[in-house]
Amino acid sequence: MAKCAGTQKKPPKDTDKKILDMSQRGLSVSAIARGLGISTALLKAWRENHPELQNALDEGREIEHTKLRSALMDQAEGGNVTAAIFLLKCRHGYREGDQGELANRVSVTFQLPGPQSLEDFSRTIDGEVVRGSD
């Protein structure tokens, strides 16, 4: 557990609600600390000693993530090609011009003989050497 200064061992009432609000609006941890009027080190100690504060931060981040993803999806579904490409890249691993998968595949080439007479074909099947026919 992280140590807190004597008068700041316990966060003020409703700190979890303030953290939830700020984190769902996209504020960084340092900006949240400034918004609470404390240092980032103290905020870290509070989050370690009071799980409800860490839960509020996590929940706020998830709310922000859901809002952003939904807005981007709406843009893509509305015809925004850039948004659609971004979603393909981020969510489905799409990479333009990536031939990486093809480069690592085994390649097998079959060479089929040209037209042969039935007699030459039979000899080939039997393992005899067949020279070009005249």
Protein backbone atom coordinates (compact mmCIF):
# COMPACT_ATOMS: atom_id res chain seq x y z
CA MET A 1 0.00 0.00 0.00
CA ALA A 2 1.19 3.49 -0.83
CA LYS A 3 1.61 6.01 1.98
CA CYS A 4 -0.52 9.12 2.22
CA ALA A 5 0.19 12.33 4.13
CA GLY A 6 -1.51 12.60 7.55
CA THR A 7 -4.40 14.88 6.60
CA GLN A 8 -4.90 13.32 3.18
CA LYS A 9 -5.17 9.65 4.11
CA LYS A 10 -8.83 9.63 3.24
CA PRO A 11 -10.20 11.20 0.06
CA PRO A 12 -13.00 13.76 0.44
CA LYS A 13 -16.60 12.69 0.04
CA ASP A 14 -17.76 12.15 -3.59
CA THR A 15 -14.18 11.88 -4.92
CA ASP A 16 -15.22 8.71 -6.75
CA LYS A 17 -18.01 10.61 -8.55
CA LYS A 18 -15.60 13.38 -9.54
CA ILE A 19 -13.10 10.83 -10.86
CA LEU A 20 -15.85 9.03 -12.81
CA ASP A 21 -16.98 12.31 -14.37
CA MET A 22 -13.51 13.46 -15.35
CA SER A 23 -12.35 10.09 -16.66
CA GLN A 24 -15.42 9.61 -18.86
CA ARG A 25 -14.69 13.00 -20.39
CA GLY A 26 -11.23 11.76 -21.37
CA LEU A 27 -9.06 13.55 -18.81
CA SER A 28 -5.66 12.01 -18.09
CA VAL A 29 -4.72 10.85 -14.59
CA SER A 30 -2.58 13.96 -14.09
CA ALA A 31 -5.46 16.21 -15.23
CA ILE A 32 -7.82 14.39 -12.83
CA ALA A 33 -5.35 14.96 -10.00
CA ARG A 34 -5.16 18.67 -10.89
CA GLY A 35 -8.97 18.78 -11.00
CA LEU A 36 -9.05 17.35 -7.48
CA GLY A 37 -6.33 19.76 -6.33
CA ILE A 38 -3.86 17.00 -5.43
CA SER A 39 -0.65 15.50 -6.80
CA THR A 40 -0.62 12.51 -9.12
CA ALA A 41 1.32 10.61 -6.43
CA LEU A 42 -1.47 11.19 -3.91
CA LEU A 43 -4.11 10.19 -6.43
CA LYS A 44 -2.17 7.00 -7.09
CA ALA A 45 -2.00 6.28 -3.35
CA TRP A 46 -5.74 6.92 -2.99
CA ARG A 47 -6.49 4.57 -5.90
CA GLU A 48 -4.35 1.84 -4.32
CA ASN A 49 -5.87 2.31 -0.84
CA HIS A 50 -9.48 2.90 -1.92
CA PRO A 51 -10.56 0.45 -4.67
CA GLU A 52 -13.74 2.41 -5.34
CA LEU A 53 -11.61 5.22 -6.77
CA GLN A 54 -9.79 2.88 -9.15
CA ASN A 55 -13.17 1.38 -10.10
CA ALA A 56 -14.50 4.88 -10.85
CA LEU A 57 -11.49 5.60 -13.08
CA ASP A 58 -11.89 2.27 -14.91
CA GLU A 59 -15.64 2.75 -15.35
CA GLY A 60 -15.16 6.28 -16.67
CA ARG A 61 -12.57 5.06 -19.18
CA GLU A 62 -14.96 2.34 -20.37
CA ILE A 63 -17.80 4.84 -20.77
CA GLU A 64 -15.50 7.10 -22.81
CA HIS A 65 -14.34 4.15 -24.92
CA THR A 66 -17.91 3.06 -25.65
CA LYS A 67 -18.97 6.59 -26.65
CA LEU A 68 -16.00 7.04 -28.97
CA ARG A 69 -16.38 3.62 -30.56
CA SER A 70 -20.09 4.21 -31.12
CA ALA A 71 -19.52 7.63 -32.65
CA LEU A 72 -16.86 6.21 -34.97
CA MET A 73 -19.09 3.30 -35.95
CA ASP A 74 -21.92 5.73 -36.73
CA GLN A 75 -19.55 7.69 -38.97
CA ALA A 76 -18.41 4.54 -40.78
CA GLU A 77 -21.97 3.32 -41.29
CA GLY A 78 -22.88 6.78 -42.59
CA GLY A 79 -20.37 6.47 -45.41
CA ASN A 80 -17.24 7.96 -43.86
CA VAL A 81 -14.58 5.87 -45.61
CA THR A 82 -11.78 7.04 -43.32
CA ALA A 83 -13.71 5.91 -40.26
CA ALA A 84 -14.47 2.57 -41.90
CA ILE A 85 -10.80 1.99 -42.77
CA PHE A 86 -9.74 2.96 -39.26
CA LEU A 87 -12.18 0.47 -37.73
CA LEU A 88 -11.00 -2.28 -40.07
CA LYS A 89 -7.40 -1.64 -39.06
CA CYS A 90 -8.02 -1.34 -35.33
CA ARG A 91 -10.68 -3.96 -34.76
CA HIS A 92 -9.91 -6.53 -37.45
CA GLY A 93 -6.14 -6.28 -38.02
CA TYR A 94 -6.46 -5.05 -41.60
CA ARG A 95 -3.25 -3.60 -43.03
CA GLU A 96 -3.09 -2.03 -46.48
CA GLY A 97 -0.71 -3.68 -48.88
CA ASP A 98 0.42 -6.19 -46.26
CA GLN A 99 1.63 -9.31 -47.97
CA GLY A 100 3.14 -10.69 -44.77
CA GLU A 101 0.86 -13.71 -44.67
CA LEU A 102 1.61 -14.56 -48.28
CA ALA A 103 5.37 -14.28 -47.80
CA ASN A 104 5.39 -17.02 -45.17
CA ARG A 105 3.26 -19.52 -47.06
CA VAL A 106 4.72 -22.63 -48.63
CA SER A 107 4.50 -22.62 -52.40
CA VAL A 108 4.15 -25.87 -54.36
CA THR A 109 4.35 -25.95 -58.16
CA PHE A 110 3.09 -28.87 -60.21
CA GLN A 111 4.38 -29.39 -63.70
CA LEU A 112 1.93 -31.38 -65.75
CA PRO A 113 3.12 -33.10 -68.89
CA GLY A 114 1.89 -31.90 -72.25
CA PRO A 115 -0.39 -34.02 -74.44
CA GLN A 116 0.81 -37.62 -74.80
CA SER A 117 -0.31 -40.66 -76.65
CA LEU A 118 -1.95 -43.37 -74.57
CA GLU A 119 1.11 -45.56 -75.07
CA ASP A 120 3.55 -42.87 -73.80
CA PHE A 121 1.28 -42.09 -70.86
CA SER A 122 1.13 -45.78 -69.91
CA ARG A 123 4.92 -45.97 -69.96
CA THR A 124 5.15 -42.85 -67.78
CA ILE A 125 2.79 -44.42 -65.24
CA ASP A 126 4.83 -47.62 -65.28
CA GLY A 127 7.99 -45.63 -64.54
CA GLU A 128 9.67 -46.00 -67.89
CA VAL A 129 11.62 -43.12 -69.34
CA VAL A 130 9.66 -41.58 -72.15
CA ARG A 131 11.56 -39.59 -74.74
CA GLY A 132 9.84 -37.13 -77.05
CA SER A 133 7.79 -38.94 -79.68
CA ASP A 134 8.13 -38.21 -83.36
